[in-house]
Amino acid sequence: MLKVLLVYFSGTGITRYYASLIQEEMKKRGYKCDCLNLEEFTDLPTLWQKNPVALNYTIRAEVKRPLGNYPWPYQDLKSALSSVGGNPLFNNLVKKWSDYDLVGFGSPVYAFRPAPVMVRFLLDLPLFIKKIRAFSFSTHDGAQGDYEVFMKKLLKQKGFKYVGHLDQSFVYSASAVMRSSFNYLNMGRLLVKKSHQARKNIFMFLEYIHSLYYGIPYSYRTANLLGKLFGIPYRLVYSYGIDILLNNFLFGFGIDKDECVRCMTCVQQCPQGLIETDDDGYPIRYYHCMYCLRCLNWCPTGALYFSESTRGKARFPGPEVLLDAVLQDGLNLRLKNQ
């Protein structure tokens, strides 16, 4: 029986949901599979702030349109990868994780990279001299670029034996904050459809994992040379396109004080710990973040917004709410037909 650990960060709940699907499929095969939410495992904001790594769009935003007078001392990922010394806080994981046959690391995709808080955690891991097999998994809104290449490089630097990658696009959660409305039922149906597709892909991946441990020849992917060739210019266009989109339609931080109840939800839930309160107790952010959108989505009154393009717009409620909408619709239909 294989023993598996899934380690993940989830911004809006989609990656957490994906991890649960992977866990379910593994348990069907008799594998023992544990899930580890990084935010429940460690003080993620404090961990990240000690050595804050950031994506390029965040660093560029600090230069182009700063939110405060004192820029945050961000380190770009390229520089961070050149120094991968472990954090003594996690030295015990070498022994603890050695009991697992396989470890999966999952994150949403931000500009073809994992969430900076996930990158910080991975950089702080000790060196695993015993070659534990590891894979990466991700959720995205349709494009992940060379995310897999990045994760493979980082995990191999930490001593893992990299064996593959899983990814899935579910619903367009990021664009919800710029829509006038967000139909829970339609998005829930799309989530159900994508979940079936995800389970099929997970099944294929687990067949491949099974072959690794039992010596059965099997390939869960085929080479796609044309996809790789066309993917290079696509990644370039997408990278600059999303930078323009974020700078003009998303970057910023604002609050409708008449709507804010000063509940501190956004302060408590920011994965990077960048939201503070002003002298009157209202939330404020002086630095550009990774824009995971959690503060907007979790604000109970919808008082928060980033740019004006997100003011008074829809919010993403999380996968559970969407699935509940589908379930409720099915129950209503059943009652109507009785």
C-alpha atoms as a PDB file:
ATOM      1  CA  MET A   1       0.000   0.000   0.000  1.00  0.00           C
ATOM      2  CA  LEU A   2       1.457   3.343  -1.064  1.00  0.00           C
ATOM      3  CA  LYS A   3       1.595   6.145   1.471  1.00  0.00           C
ATOM      4  CA  VAL A   4       1.109   9.579  -0.082  1.00  0.00           C
ATOM      5  CA  LEU A   5       1.222  13.151   1.220  1.00  0.00           C
ATOM      6  CA  LEU A   6      -0.413  16.089  -0.593  1.00  0.00           C
ATOM      7  CA  VAL A   7       0.964  19.492   0.409  1.00  0.00           C
ATOM      8  CA  TYR A   8      -0.885  22.496  -0.982  1.00  0.00           C
ATOM      9  CA  PHE A   9      -1.729  26.175  -0.824  1.00  0.00           C
ATOM     10  CA  SER A  10      -5.147  27.323  -2.005  1.00  0.00           C
ATOM     11  CA  GLY A  11      -6.126  30.929  -2.641  1.00  0.00           C
ATOM     12  CA  THR A  12      -9.835  30.700  -3.466  1.00  0.00           C
ATOM     13  CA  GLY A  13     -10.493  27.072  -2.495  1.00  0.00           C
ATOM     14  CA  ILE A  14     -10.107  25.534  -5.957  1.00  0.00           C
ATOM     15  CA  THR A  15      -6.707  23.941  -5.294  1.00  0.00           C
ATOM     16  CA  ARG A  16      -7.983  22.600  -1.980  1.00  0.00           C
ATOM     17  CA  TYR A  17     -10.900  21.056  -3.868  1.00  0.00           C
ATOM     18  CA  TYR A  18      -8.539  19.554  -6.453  1.00  0.00           C
ATOM     19  CA  ALA A  19      -6.407  18.059  -3.683  1.00  0.00           C
ATOM     20  CA  SER A  20      -9.542  16.437  -2.258  1.00  0.00           C
ATOM     21  CA  LEU A  21     -10.297  14.841  -5.655  1.00  0.00           C
ATOM     22  CA  ILE A  22      -6.765  13.472  -5.883  1.00  0.00           C
ATOM     23  CA  GLN A  23      -7.046  12.155  -2.341  1.00  0.00           C
ATOM     24  CA  GLU A  24     -10.355  10.438  -3.093  1.00  0.00           C
ATOM     25  CA  GLU A  25      -8.998   8.722  -6.192  1.00  0.00           C
ATOM     26  CA  MET A  26      -5.938   7.549  -4.298  1.00  0.00           C
ATOM     27  CA  LYS A  27      -8.031   6.115  -1.493  1.00  0.00           C
ATOM     28  CA  LYS A  28     -10.107   4.184  -4.035  1.00  0.00           C
ATOM     29  CA  ARG A  29      -6.895   2.366  -4.937  1.00  0.00           C
ATOM     30  CA  GLY A  30      -6.185   1.565  -1.327  1.00  0.00           C
ATOM     31  CA  TYR A  31      -3.444   4.169  -0.954  1.00  0.00           C
ATOM     32  CA  LYS A  32      -3.069   5.962   2.343  1.00  0.00           C
ATOM     33  CA  CYS A  33      -3.246   9.646   1.437  1.00  0.00           C
ATOM     34  CA  ASP A  34      -2.856  12.581   3.838  1.00  0.00           C
ATOM     35  CA  CYS A  35      -3.503  16.228   2.958  1.00  0.00           C
ATOM     36  CA  LEU A  36      -1.488  19.100   4.396  1.00  0.00           C
ATOM     37  CA  ASN A  37      -2.829  22.641   4.019  1.00  0.00           C
ATOM     38  CA  LEU A  38       0.198  24.920   4.410  1.00  0.00           C
ATOM     39  CA  GLU A  39      -1.829  27.556   6.240  1.00  0.00           C
ATOM     40  CA  GLU A  40      -2.797  25.018   8.891  1.00  0.00           C
ATOM     41  CA  PHE A  41       0.710  23.620   9.086  1.00  0.00           C
ATOM     42  CA  THR A  42       2.758  26.787   9.592  1.00  0.00           C
ATOM     43  CA  ASP A  43       2.431  30.547  10.084  1.00  0.00           C
ATOM     44  CA  LEU A  44       2.587  31.239   6.383  1.00  0.00           C
ATOM     45  CA  PRO A  45       2.543  35.081   6.472  1.00  0.00           C
ATOM     46  CA  THR A  46       5.428  35.171   8.967  1.00  0.00           C
ATOM     47  CA  LEU A  47       7.367  32.540   7.028  1.00  0.00           C
ATOM     48  CA  TRP A  48       6.971  34.477   3.786  1.00  0.00           C
ATOM     49  CA  GLN A  49       7.743  37.888   5.283  1.00  0.00           C
ATOM     50  CA  LYS A  50      11.108  36.756   6.679  1.00  0.00           C
ATOM     51  CA  ASN A  51      12.359  36.308   3.105  1.00  0.00           C
ATOM     52  CA  PRO A  52       9.651  37.687   0.805  1.00  0.00           C
ATOM     53  CA  VAL A  53       9.798  36.350  -2.727  1.00  0.00           C
ATOM     54  CA  ALA A  54       7.546  37.870  -5.368  1.00  0.00           C
ATOM     55  CA  LEU A  55       6.440  37.386  -8.927  1.00  0.00           C
ATOM     56  CA  ASN A  56       7.686  39.784 -11.582  1.00  0.00           C
ATOM     57  CA  TYR A  57       4.323  41.506 -11.978  1.00  0.00           C
ATOM     58  CA  THR A  58       4.316  42.374  -8.282  1.00  0.00           C
ATOM     59  CA  ILE A  59       7.837  43.796  -8.430  1.00  0.00           C
ATOM     60  CA  ARG A  60       6.998  45.821 -11.540  1.00  0.00           C
ATOM     61  CA  ALA A  61       3.853  47.154  -9.874  1.00  0.00           C
ATOM     62  CA  GLU A  62       5.884  48.389  -6.905  1.00  0.00           C
ATOM     63  CA  VAL A  63       7.921  50.468  -9.357  1.00  0.00           C
ATOM     64  CA  LYS A  64       5.123  51.599 -11.674  1.00  0.00           C
ATOM     65  CA  ARG A  65       2.356  52.371  -9.195  1.00  0.00           C
ATOM     66  CA  PRO A  66       3.441  52.017  -5.546  1.00  0.00           C
ATOM     67  CA  LEU A  67       0.748  51.947  -2.863  1.00  0.00           C
ATOM     68  CA  GLY A  68       3.017  53.401  -0.163  1.00  0.00           C
ATOM     69  CA  ASN A  69       6.175  55.398   0.364  1.00  0.00           C
ATOM     70  CA  TYR A  70       8.387  52.465   1.315  1.00  0.00           C
ATOM     71  CA  PRO A  71       8.598  49.536  -1.160  1.00  0.00           C
ATOM     72  CA  TRP A  72       8.615  46.040   0.275  1.00  0.00           C
ATOM     73  CA  PRO A  73      12.052  44.339  -0.053  1.00  0.00           C
ATOM     74  CA  TYR A  74      10.896  41.756  -2.563  1.00  0.00           C
ATOM     75  CA  GLN A  75      13.252  39.174  -4.029  1.00  0.00           C
ATOM     76  CA  ASP A  76      12.559  37.901  -7.539  1.00  0.00           C
ATOM     77  CA  LEU A  77      12.221  34.165  -8.080  1.00  0.00           C
ATOM     78  CA  LYS A  78      15.367  33.862 -10.181  1.00  0.00           C
ATOM     79  CA  SER A  79      17.498  35.281  -7.373  1.00  0.00           C
ATOM     80  CA  ALA A  80      15.663  33.208  -4.779  1.00  0.00           C
ATOM     81  CA  LEU A  81      16.334  29.977  -6.656  1.00  0.00           C
ATOM     82  CA  SER A  82      20.069  30.644  -6.579  1.00  0.00           C
ATOM     83  CA  SER A  83      19.980  30.334  -2.793  1.00  0.00           C
ATOM     84  CA  VAL A  84      17.975  27.371  -1.556  1.00  0.00           C
ATOM     85  CA  GLY A  85      19.293  26.907   1.955  1.00  0.00           C
ATOM     86  CA  GLY A  86      16.772  25.293   4.271  1.00  0.00           C
ATOM     87  CA  ASN A  87      15.014  26.771   7.262  1.00  0.00           C
ATOM     88  CA  PRO A  88      15.940  24.977  10.544  1.00  0.00           C
ATOM     89  CA  LEU A  89      12.262  25.204  11.459  1.00  0.00           C
ATOM     90  CA  PHE A  90      11.551  22.375   9.006  1.00  0.00           C
ATOM     91  CA  ASN A  91      14.538  20.091   9.610  1.00  0.00           C
ATOM     92  CA  ASN A  92      12.264  17.539  11.273  1.00  0.00           C
ATOM     93  CA  LEU A  93      10.440  17.005   7.964  1.00  0.00           C
ATOM     94  CA  VAL A  94      13.339  14.944   6.582  1.00  0.00           C
ATOM     95  CA  LYS A  95      12.587  12.195   9.073  1.00  0.00           C
ATOM     96  CA  LYS A  96       8.824  12.757   9.181  1.00  0.00           C
ATOM     97  CA  TRP A  97       8.269  12.655   5.426  1.00  0.00           C
ATOM     98  CA  SER A  98      10.606   9.707   4.900  1.00  0.00           C
ATOM     99  CA  ASP A  99       7.657   7.476   5.796  1.00  0.00           C
ATOM    100  CA  TYR A 100       5.881   8.558   2.600  1.00  0.00           C
ATOM    101  CA  ASP A 101       6.403   6.876  -0.750  1.00  0.00           C
ATOM    102  CA  LEU A 102       5.194   9.910  -2.684  1.00  0.00           C
ATOM    103  CA  VAL A 103       4.709  13.617  -1.935  1.00  0.00           C
ATOM    104  CA  GLY A 104       2.613  15.951  -4.095  1.00  0.00           C
ATOM    105  CA  PHE A 105       2.964  19.749  -4.012  1.00  0.00           C
ATOM    106  CA  GLY A 106       0.059  21.833  -5.278  1.00  0.00           C
ATOM    107  CA  SER A 107      -0.706  25.501  -5.875  1.00  0.00           C
ATOM    108  CA  PRO A 108      -2.766  27.816  -8.043  1.00  0.00           C
ATOM    109  CA  VAL A 109      -0.869  29.163 -11.051  1.00  0.00           C
ATOM    110  CA  TYR A 110       0.025  32.850 -10.953  1.00  0.00           C
ATOM    111  CA  ALA A 111       1.787  34.051 -14.142  1.00  0.00           C
ATOM    112  CA  PHE A 112       3.077  30.503 -14.809  1.00  0.00           C
ATOM    113  CA  ARG A 113       4.458  30.137 -11.278  1.00  0.00           C
ATOM    114  CA  PRO A 114       3.273  28.757  -7.913  1.00  0.00           C
ATOM    115  CA  ALA A 115       1.978  31.170  -5.301  1.00  0.00           C
ATOM    116  CA  PRO A 116       4.941  33.035  -3.755  1.00  0.00           C
ATOM    117  CA  VAL A 117       4.008  31.685  -0.310  1.00  0.00           C
ATOM    118  CA  MET A 118       4.310  28.143  -1.689  1.00  0.00           C
ATOM    119  CA  VAL A 119       7.650  29.010  -3.305  1.00  0.00           C
ATOM    120  CA  ARG A 120       8.885  30.390   0.019  1.00  0.00           C
ATOM    121  CA  PHE A 121       7.912  27.174   1.793  1.00  0.00           C
ATOM    122  CA  LEU A 122       9.625  25.016  -0.817  1.00  0.00           C
ATOM    123  CA  LEU A 123      12.793  27.102  -0.630  1.00  0.00           C
ATOM    124  CA  ASP A 124      12.778  26.725   3.156  1.00  0.00           C
ATOM    125  CA  LEU A 125      12.552  22.937   3.015  1.00  0.00           C
ATOM    126  CA  PRO A 126      15.685  21.010   4.044  1.00  0.00           C
ATOM    127  CA  LEU A 127      17.577  18.857   1.560  1.00  0.00           C
ATOM    128  CA  PHE A 128      16.027  15.406   1.231  1.00  0.00           C
ATOM    129  CA  ILE A 129      19.028  13.150   0.698  1.00  0.00           C
ATOM    130  CA  LYS A 130      16.844  10.068   0.519  1.00  0.00           C
ATOM    131  CA  LYS A 131      15.227  10.300  -2.918  1.00  0.00           C
ATOM    132  CA  ILE A 132      11.543  10.541  -2.104  1.00  0.00           C
ATOM    133  CA  ARG A 133       9.393  10.564  -5.224  1.00  0.00           C
ATOM    134  CA  ALA A 134       7.495  13.828  -5.701  1.00  0.00           C
ATOM    135  CA  PHE A 135       5.047  15.307  -8.177  1.00  0.00           C
ATOM    136  CA  SER A 136       3.442  18.699  -8.650  1.00  0.00           C
ATOM    137  CA  PHE A 137      -0.192  19.614  -9.230  1.00  0.00           C
ATOM    138  CA  SER A 138      -1.844  22.901 -10.099  1.00  0.00           C
ATOM    139  CA  THR A 139      -5.127  24.648 -10.849  1.00  0.00           C
ATOM    140  CA  HIS A 140      -5.426  27.489 -13.308  1.00  0.00           C
ATOM    141  CA  ASP A 141      -7.818  29.483 -15.488  1.00  0.00           C
ATOM    142  CA  GLY A 142      -6.631  27.930 -18.717  1.00  0.00           C
ATOM    143  CA  ALA A 143      -2.876  28.493 -18.953  1.00  0.00           C
ATOM    144  CA  GLN A 144       0.016  27.274 -16.831  1.00  0.00           C
ATOM    145  CA  GLY A 145       2.960  27.819 -19.198  1.00  0.00           C
ATOM    146  CA  ASP A 146       6.185  26.340 -17.861  1.00  0.00           C
ATOM    147  CA  TYR A 147       4.870  25.904 -14.310  1.00  0.00           C
ATOM    148  CA  GLU A 148       5.767  22.212 -14.410  1.00  0.00           C
ATOM    149  CA  VAL A 149       9.340  22.979 -15.505  1.00  0.00           C
ATOM    150  CA  PHE A 150       9.742  25.420 -12.631  1.00  0.00           C
ATOM    151  CA  MET A 151       8.429  22.948 -10.052  1.00  0.00           C
ATOM    152  CA  LYS A 152      10.557  20.128 -11.409  1.00  0.00           C
ATOM    153  CA  LYS A 153      13.700  22.254 -11.093  1.00  0.00           C
ATOM    154  CA  LEU A 154      12.894  23.410  -7.559  1.00  0.00           C
ATOM    155  CA  LEU A 155      11.878  20.001  -6.207  1.00  0.00           C
ATOM    156  CA  LYS A 156      14.963  18.350  -7.693  1.00  0.00           C
ATOM    157  CA  GLN A 157      17.122  21.010  -6.031  1.00  0.00           C
ATOM    158  CA  LYS A 158      15.573  19.915  -2.733  1.00  0.00           C
ATOM    159  CA  GLY A 159      16.545  16.311  -3.309  1.00  0.00           C
ATOM    160  CA  PHE A 160      13.219  14.884  -4.466  1.00  0.00           C
ATOM    161  CA  LYS A 161      12.930  12.470  -7.375  1.00  0.00           C
ATOM    162  CA  TYR A 162      10.462  14.287  -9.618  1.00  0.00           C
ATOM    163  CA  VAL A 163       8.017  11.929 -11.346  1.00  0.00           C
ATOM    164  CA  GLY A 164       5.369  14.083 -13.010  1.00  0.00           C
ATOM    165  CA  HIS A 165       2.663  16.701 -12.944  1.00  0.00           C
ATOM    166  CA  LEU A 166      -1.134  17.011 -12.752  1.00  0.00           C
ATOM    167  CA  ASP A 167      -3.126  20.110 -13.609  1.00  0.00           C
ATOM    168  CA  GLN A 168      -6.720  21.107 -14.146  1.00  0.00           C
ATOM    169  CA  SER A 169      -8.724  24.151 -15.193  1.00  0.00           C
ATOM    170  CA  PHE A 170     -12.061  24.250 -13.356  1.00  0.00           C
ATOM    171  CA  VAL A 171     -13.870  27.618 -13.416  1.00  0.00           C
ATOM    172  CA  TYR A 172     -12.659  31.144 -14.135  1.00  0.00           C
ATOM    173  CA  SER A 173     -12.459  32.273 -10.532  1.00  0.00           C
ATOM    174  CA  ALA A 174     -10.035  35.169 -11.114  1.00  0.00           C
ATOM    175  CA  SER A 175     -12.234  36.943 -13.644  1.00  0.00           C
ATOM    176  CA  ALA A 176     -15.254  36.860 -11.317  1.00  0.00           C
ATOM    177  CA  VAL A 177     -14.117  40.037  -9.561  1.00  0.00           C
ATOM    178  CA  MET A 178     -14.429  41.990 -12.810  1.00  0.00           C
ATOM    179  CA  ARG A 179     -17.864  40.659 -13.795  1.00  0.00           C
ATOM    180  CA  SER A 180     -21.145  42.359 -13.066  1.00  0.00           C
ATOM    181  CA  SER A 181     -22.625  39.000 -12.019  1.00  0.00           C
ATOM    182  CA  PHE A 182     -21.541  35.425 -11.403  1.00  0.00           C
ATOM    183  CA  ASN A 183     -24.114  32.703 -11.995  1.00  0.00           C
ATOM    184  CA  TYR A 184     -23.592  30.136  -9.249  1.00  0.00           C
ATOM    185  CA  LEU A 185     -25.677  27.437 -10.926  1.00  0.00           C
ATOM    186  CA  ASN A 186     -24.018  27.668 -14.344  1.00  0.00           C
ATOM    187  CA  MET A 187     -20.559  27.830 -12.812  1.00  0.00           C
ATOM    188  CA  GLY A 188     -21.467  24.924 -10.546  1.00  0.00           C
ATOM    189  CA  ARG A 189     -22.457  22.830 -13.532  1.00  0.00           C
ATOM    190  CA  LEU A 190     -19.169  23.696 -15.206  1.00  0.00           C
ATOM    191  CA  LEU A 191     -17.337  22.700 -12.029  1.00  0.00           C
ATOM    192  CA  VAL A 192     -19.103  19.321 -12.013  1.00  0.00           C
ATOM    193  CA  LYS A 193     -18.189  18.767 -15.668  1.00  0.00           C
ATOM    194  CA  LYS A 194     -14.565  19.721 -15.070  1.00  0.00           C
ATOM    195  CA  SER A 195     -14.457  17.510 -11.981  1.00  0.00           C
ATOM    196  CA  HIS A 196     -15.324  14.468 -14.098  1.00  0.00           C
ATOM    197  CA  GLN A 197     -12.516  15.388 -16.468  1.00  0.00           C
ATOM    198  CA  ALA A 198     -10.142  15.878 -13.526  1.00  0.00           C
ATOM    199  CA  ARG A 199     -10.941  12.427 -12.144  1.00  0.00           C
ATOM    200  CA  LYS A 200     -10.138  10.843 -15.505  1.00  0.00           C
ATOM    201  CA  ASN A 201      -6.795  12.632 -15.643  1.00  0.00           C
ATOM    202  CA  ILE A 202      -6.021  11.650 -12.059  1.00  0.00           C
ATOM    203  CA  PHE A 203      -6.864   8.028 -12.896  1.00  0.00           C
ATOM    204  CA  MET A 204      -4.413   8.083 -15.802  1.00  0.00           C
ATOM    205  CA  PHE A 205      -1.724   9.648 -13.631  1.00  0.00           C
ATOM    206  CA  LEU A 206      -2.226   7.044 -10.907  1.00  0.00           C
ATOM    207  CA  GLU A 207      -1.895   4.281 -13.493  1.00  0.00           C
ATOM    208  CA  TYR A 208       1.478   5.796 -14.293  1.00  0.00           C
ATOM    209  CA  ILE A 209       2.406   5.988 -10.588  1.00  0.00           C
ATOM    210  CA  HIS A 210       1.392   2.356 -10.187  1.00  0.00           C
ATOM    211  CA  SER A 211       3.713   1.421 -13.053  1.00  0.00           C
ATOM    212  CA  LEU A 212       6.639   3.194 -11.354  1.00  0.00           C
ATOM    213  CA  TYR A 213       6.330   1.112  -8.230  1.00  0.00           C
ATOM    214  CA  TYR A 214       5.481  -2.211  -9.843  1.00  0.00           C
ATOM    215  CA  GLY A 215       7.642  -2.091 -12.977  1.00  0.00           C
ATOM    216  CA  ILE A 216       4.815  -2.098 -15.513  1.00  0.00           C
ATOM    217  CA  PRO A 217       5.607  -0.066 -18.668  1.00  0.00           C
ATOM    218  CA  TYR A 218       3.105   2.777 -18.951  1.00  0.00           C
ATOM    219  CA  SER A 219       3.078   6.388 -20.142  1.00  0.00           C
ATOM    220  CA  TYR A 220       0.362   8.798 -19.082  1.00  0.00           C
ATOM    221  CA  ARG A 221       1.503  11.521 -21.514  1.00  0.00           C
ATOM    222  CA  THR A 222       2.549  11.653 -25.143  1.00  0.00           C
ATOM    223  CA  ALA A 223       5.115  14.068 -26.542  1.00  0.00           C
ATOM    224  CA  ASN A 224       3.580  17.121 -28.209  1.00  0.00           C
ATOM    225  CA  LEU A 225       6.314  18.814 -30.236  1.00  0.00           C
ATOM    226  CA  LEU A 226       3.950  21.262 -31.977  1.00  0.00           C
ATOM    227  CA  GLY A 227       2.428  22.226 -28.642  1.00  0.00           C
ATOM    228  CA  LYS A 228       5.887  22.974 -27.275  1.00  0.00           C
ATOM    229  CA  LEU A 229       6.879  25.043 -30.310  1.00  0.00           C
ATOM    230  CA  PHE A 230       3.681  27.089 -30.349  1.00  0.00           C
ATOM    231  CA  GLY A 231       3.765  27.302 -26.585  1.00  0.00           C
ATOM    232  CA  ILE A 232       6.885  29.510 -26.531  1.00  0.00           C
ATOM    233  CA  PRO A 233       5.377  32.582 -28.250  1.00  0.00           C
ATOM    234  CA  TYR A 234       2.082  31.935 -26.471  1.00  0.00           C
ATOM    235  CA  ARG A 235       3.784  32.117 -23.082  1.00  0.00           C
ATOM    236  CA  LEU A 236       5.482  35.385 -24.065  1.00  0.00           C
ATOM    237  CA  VAL A 237       2.241  36.981 -25.260  1.00  0.00           C
ATOM    238  CA  TYR A 238       0.334  35.688 -22.253  1.00  0.00           C
ATOM    239  CA  SER A 239       2.990  36.900 -19.825  1.00  0.00           C
ATOM    240  CA  TYR A 240       2.971  40.470 -21.130  1.00  0.00           C
ATOM    241  CA  GLY A 241      -0.781  40.383 -21.667  1.00  0.00           C
ATOM    242  CA  ILE A 242      -1.527  39.462 -18.080  1.00  0.00           C
ATOM    243  CA  ASP A 243       0.919  42.106 -16.877  1.00  0.00           C
ATOM    244  CA  ILE A 244      -1.013  44.772 -18.836  1.00  0.00           C
ATOM    245  CA  LEU A 245      -4.325  43.382 -17.617  1.00  0.00           C
ATOM    246  CA  LEU A 246      -3.293  43.391 -13.968  1.00  0.00           C
ATOM    247  CA  ASN A 247      -1.765  46.852 -14.101  1.00  0.00           C
ATOM    248  CA  ASN A 248      -4.802  48.436 -15.735  1.00  0.00           C
ATOM    249  CA  PHE A 249      -7.708  46.468 -14.317  1.00  0.00           C
ATOM    250  CA  LEU A 250      -6.687  44.893 -11.023  1.00  0.00           C
ATOM    251  CA  PHE A 251      -3.731  46.375  -9.140  1.00  0.00           C
ATOM    252  CA  GLY A 252      -4.578  48.564  -6.178  1.00  0.00           C
ATOM    253  CA  PHE A 253      -6.491  48.530  -2.924  1.00  0.00           C
ATOM    254  CA  GLY A 254      -9.625  50.423  -1.992  1.00  0.00           C
ATOM    255  CA  ILE A 255     -12.470  50.277   0.500  1.00  0.00           C
ATOM    256  CA  ASP A 256     -16.021  51.577   0.712  1.00  0.00           C
ATOM    257  CA  LYS A 257     -16.009  52.645   4.332  1.00  0.00           C
ATOM    258  CA  ASP A 258     -19.809  52.867   4.423  1.00  0.00           C
ATOM    259  CA  GLU A 259     -19.933  49.122   3.705  1.00  0.00           C
ATOM    260  CA  CYS A 260     -16.992  48.001   5.843  1.00  0.00           C
ATOM    261  CA  VAL A 261     -17.902  46.560   9.260  1.00  0.00           C
ATOM    262  CA  ARG A 262     -14.248  46.354  10.349  1.00  0.00           C
ATOM    263  CA  CYS A 263     -14.548  42.609  10.988  1.00  0.00           C
ATOM    264  CA  MET A 264     -10.824  42.025  10.293  1.00  0.00           C
ATOM    265  CA  THR A 265     -11.559  39.051   8.003  1.00  0.00           C
ATOM    266  CA  CYS A 266      -9.288  40.385   5.265  1.00  0.00           C
ATOM    267  CA  VAL A 267      -6.512  41.126   7.752  1.00  0.00           C
ATOM    268  CA  GLN A 268      -6.671  37.644   9.237  1.00  0.00           C
ATOM    269  CA  GLN A 269      -6.970  35.799   5.932  1.00  0.00           C
ATOM    270  CA  CYS A 270      -4.264  37.484   3.830  1.00  0.00           C
ATOM    271  CA  PRO A 271      -1.755  34.675   3.076  1.00  0.00           C
ATOM    272  CA  GLN A 272       1.073  37.216   2.925  1.00  0.00           C
ATOM    273  CA  GLY A 273       0.011  39.236   5.969  1.00  0.00           C
ATOM    274  CA  LEU A 274       0.094  42.483   4.000  1.00  0.00           C
ATOM    275  CA  ILE A 275      -3.262  43.938   5.041  1.00  0.00           C
ATOM    276  CA  GLU A 276      -3.148  46.202   8.095  1.00  0.00           C
ATOM    277  CA  THR A 277      -5.613  48.594   9.718  1.00  0.00           C
ATOM    278  CA  ASP A 278      -5.449  52.373   9.755  1.00  0.00           C
ATOM    279  CA  ASP A 279      -6.008  54.587  12.793  1.00  0.00           C
ATOM    280  CA  ASP A 280      -9.775  54.186  12.449  1.00  0.00           C
ATOM    281  CA  GLY A 281      -9.643  50.396  12.193  1.00  0.00           C
ATOM    282  CA  TYR A 282     -10.263  50.147   8.439  1.00  0.00           C
ATOM    283  CA  PRO A 283      -8.135  47.761   6.348  1.00  0.00           C
ATOM    284  CA  ILE A 284      -5.314  49.173   4.265  1.00  0.00           C
ATOM    285  CA  ARG A 285      -2.510  47.695   2.172  1.00  0.00           C
ATOM    286  CA  TYR A 286       0.700  49.615   1.483  1.00  0.00           C
ATOM    287  CA  TYR A 287       2.306  47.024  -0.807  1.00  0.00           C
ATOM    288  CA  HIS A 288       1.417  45.091  -3.908  1.00  0.00           C
ATOM    289  CA  CYS A 289       0.719  41.427  -3.187  1.00  0.00           C
ATOM    290  CA  MET A 290       0.352  38.271  -5.271  1.00  0.00           C
ATOM    291  CA  TYR A 291      -3.345  39.126  -5.852  1.00  0.00           C
ATOM    292  CA  CYS A 292      -4.815  35.785  -4.861  1.00  0.00           C
ATOM    293  CA  LEU A 293      -8.162  37.647  -4.511  1.00  0.00           C
ATOM    294  CA  ARG A 294      -9.011  36.049  -1.202  1.00  0.00           C
ATOM    295  CA  CYS A 295      -9.611  39.331   0.635  1.00  0.00           C
ATOM    296  CA  LEU A 296     -12.107  40.449  -2.003  1.00  0.00           C
ATOM    297  CA  ASN A 297     -13.862  37.099  -2.147  1.00  0.00           C
ATOM    298  CA  TRP A 298     -14.088  36.644   1.614  1.00  0.00           C
ATOM    299  CA  CYS A 299     -15.172  40.181   2.557  1.00  0.00           C
ATOM    300  CA  PRO A 300     -18.681  39.612   4.008  1.00  0.00           C
ATOM    301  CA  THR A 301     -20.052  42.972   2.827  1.00  0.00           C
ATOM    302  CA  GLY A 302     -18.181  43.380  -0.460  1.00  0.00           C
ATOM    303  CA  ALA A 303     -16.584  46.568   0.815  1.00  0.00           C
ATOM    304  CA  LEU A 304     -13.121  45.814  -0.549  1.00  0.00           C
ATOM    305  CA  TYR A 305     -12.022  46.354  -4.106  1.00  0.00           C
ATOM    306  CA  PHE A 306      -8.700  46.615  -5.919  1.00  0.00           C
ATOM    307  CA  SER A 307      -8.989  48.897  -8.954  1.00  0.00           C
ATOM    308  CA  GLU A 308     -12.222  50.672  -9.902  1.00  0.00           C
ATOM    309  CA  SER A 309     -12.806  47.826 -12.377  1.00  0.00           C
ATOM    310  CA  THR A 310     -13.513  45.514  -9.433  1.00  0.00           C
ATOM    311  CA  ARG A 311     -15.658  47.928  -7.421  1.00  0.00           C
ATOM    312  CA  GLY A 312     -19.195  46.650  -6.895  1.00  0.00           C
ATOM    313  CA  LYS A 313     -18.555  43.597  -9.066  1.00  0.00           C
ATOM    314  CA  ALA A 314     -19.141  39.910  -8.430  1.00  0.00           C
ATOM    315  CA  ARG A 315     -17.095  37.748  -6.105  1.00  0.00           C
ATOM    316  CA  PHE A 316     -16.074  34.096  -6.273  1.00  0.00           C
ATOM    317  CA  PRO A 317     -17.821  32.213  -3.431  1.00  0.00           C
ATOM    318  CA  GLY A 318     -15.710  29.054  -3.457  1.00  0.00           C
ATOM    319  CA  PRO A 319     -16.315  25.595  -4.978  1.00  0.00           C
ATOM    320  CA  GLU A 320     -18.536  24.378  -2.148  1.00  0.00           C
ATOM    321  CA  VAL A 321     -21.115  27.126  -2.798  1.00  0.00           C
ATOM    322  CA  LEU A 322     -21.173  26.318  -6.511  1.00  0.00           C
ATOM    323  CA  LEU A 323     -21.667  22.603  -5.867  1.00  0.00           C
ATOM    324  CA  ASP A 324     -24.428  23.387  -3.362  1.00  0.00           C
ATOM    325  CA  ALA A 325     -26.203  25.438  -6.062  1.00  0.00           C
ATOM    326  CA  VAL A 326     -26.181  22.410  -8.379  1.00  0.00           C
ATOM    327  CA  LEU A 327     -27.381  20.121  -5.603  1.00  0.00           C
ATOM    328  CA  GLN A 328     -30.173  22.508  -4.626  1.00  0.00           C
ATOM    329  CA  ASP A 329     -31.276  22.821  -8.245  1.00  0.00           C
ATOM    330  CA  GLY A 330     -31.440  19.041  -8.505  1.00  0.00           C
ATOM    331  CA  LEU A 331     -33.513  18.809  -5.326  1.00  0.00           C
ATOM    332  CA  ASN A 332     -35.898  21.516  -6.537  1.00  0.00           C
ATOM    333  CA  LEU A 333     -36.341  19.719  -9.863  1.00  0.00           C
ATOM    334  CA  ARG A 334     -37.050  16.455  -8.087  1.00  0.00           C
ATOM    335  CA  LEU A 335     -39.667  18.068  -5.841  1.00  0.00           C
ATOM    336  CA  LYS A 336     -41.266  19.746  -8.857  1.00  0.00           C
ATOM    337  CA  ASN A 337     -41.618  16.416 -10.671  1.00  0.00           C
ATOM    338  CA  GLN A 338     -43.123  14.584  -7.695  1.00  0.00           C
END
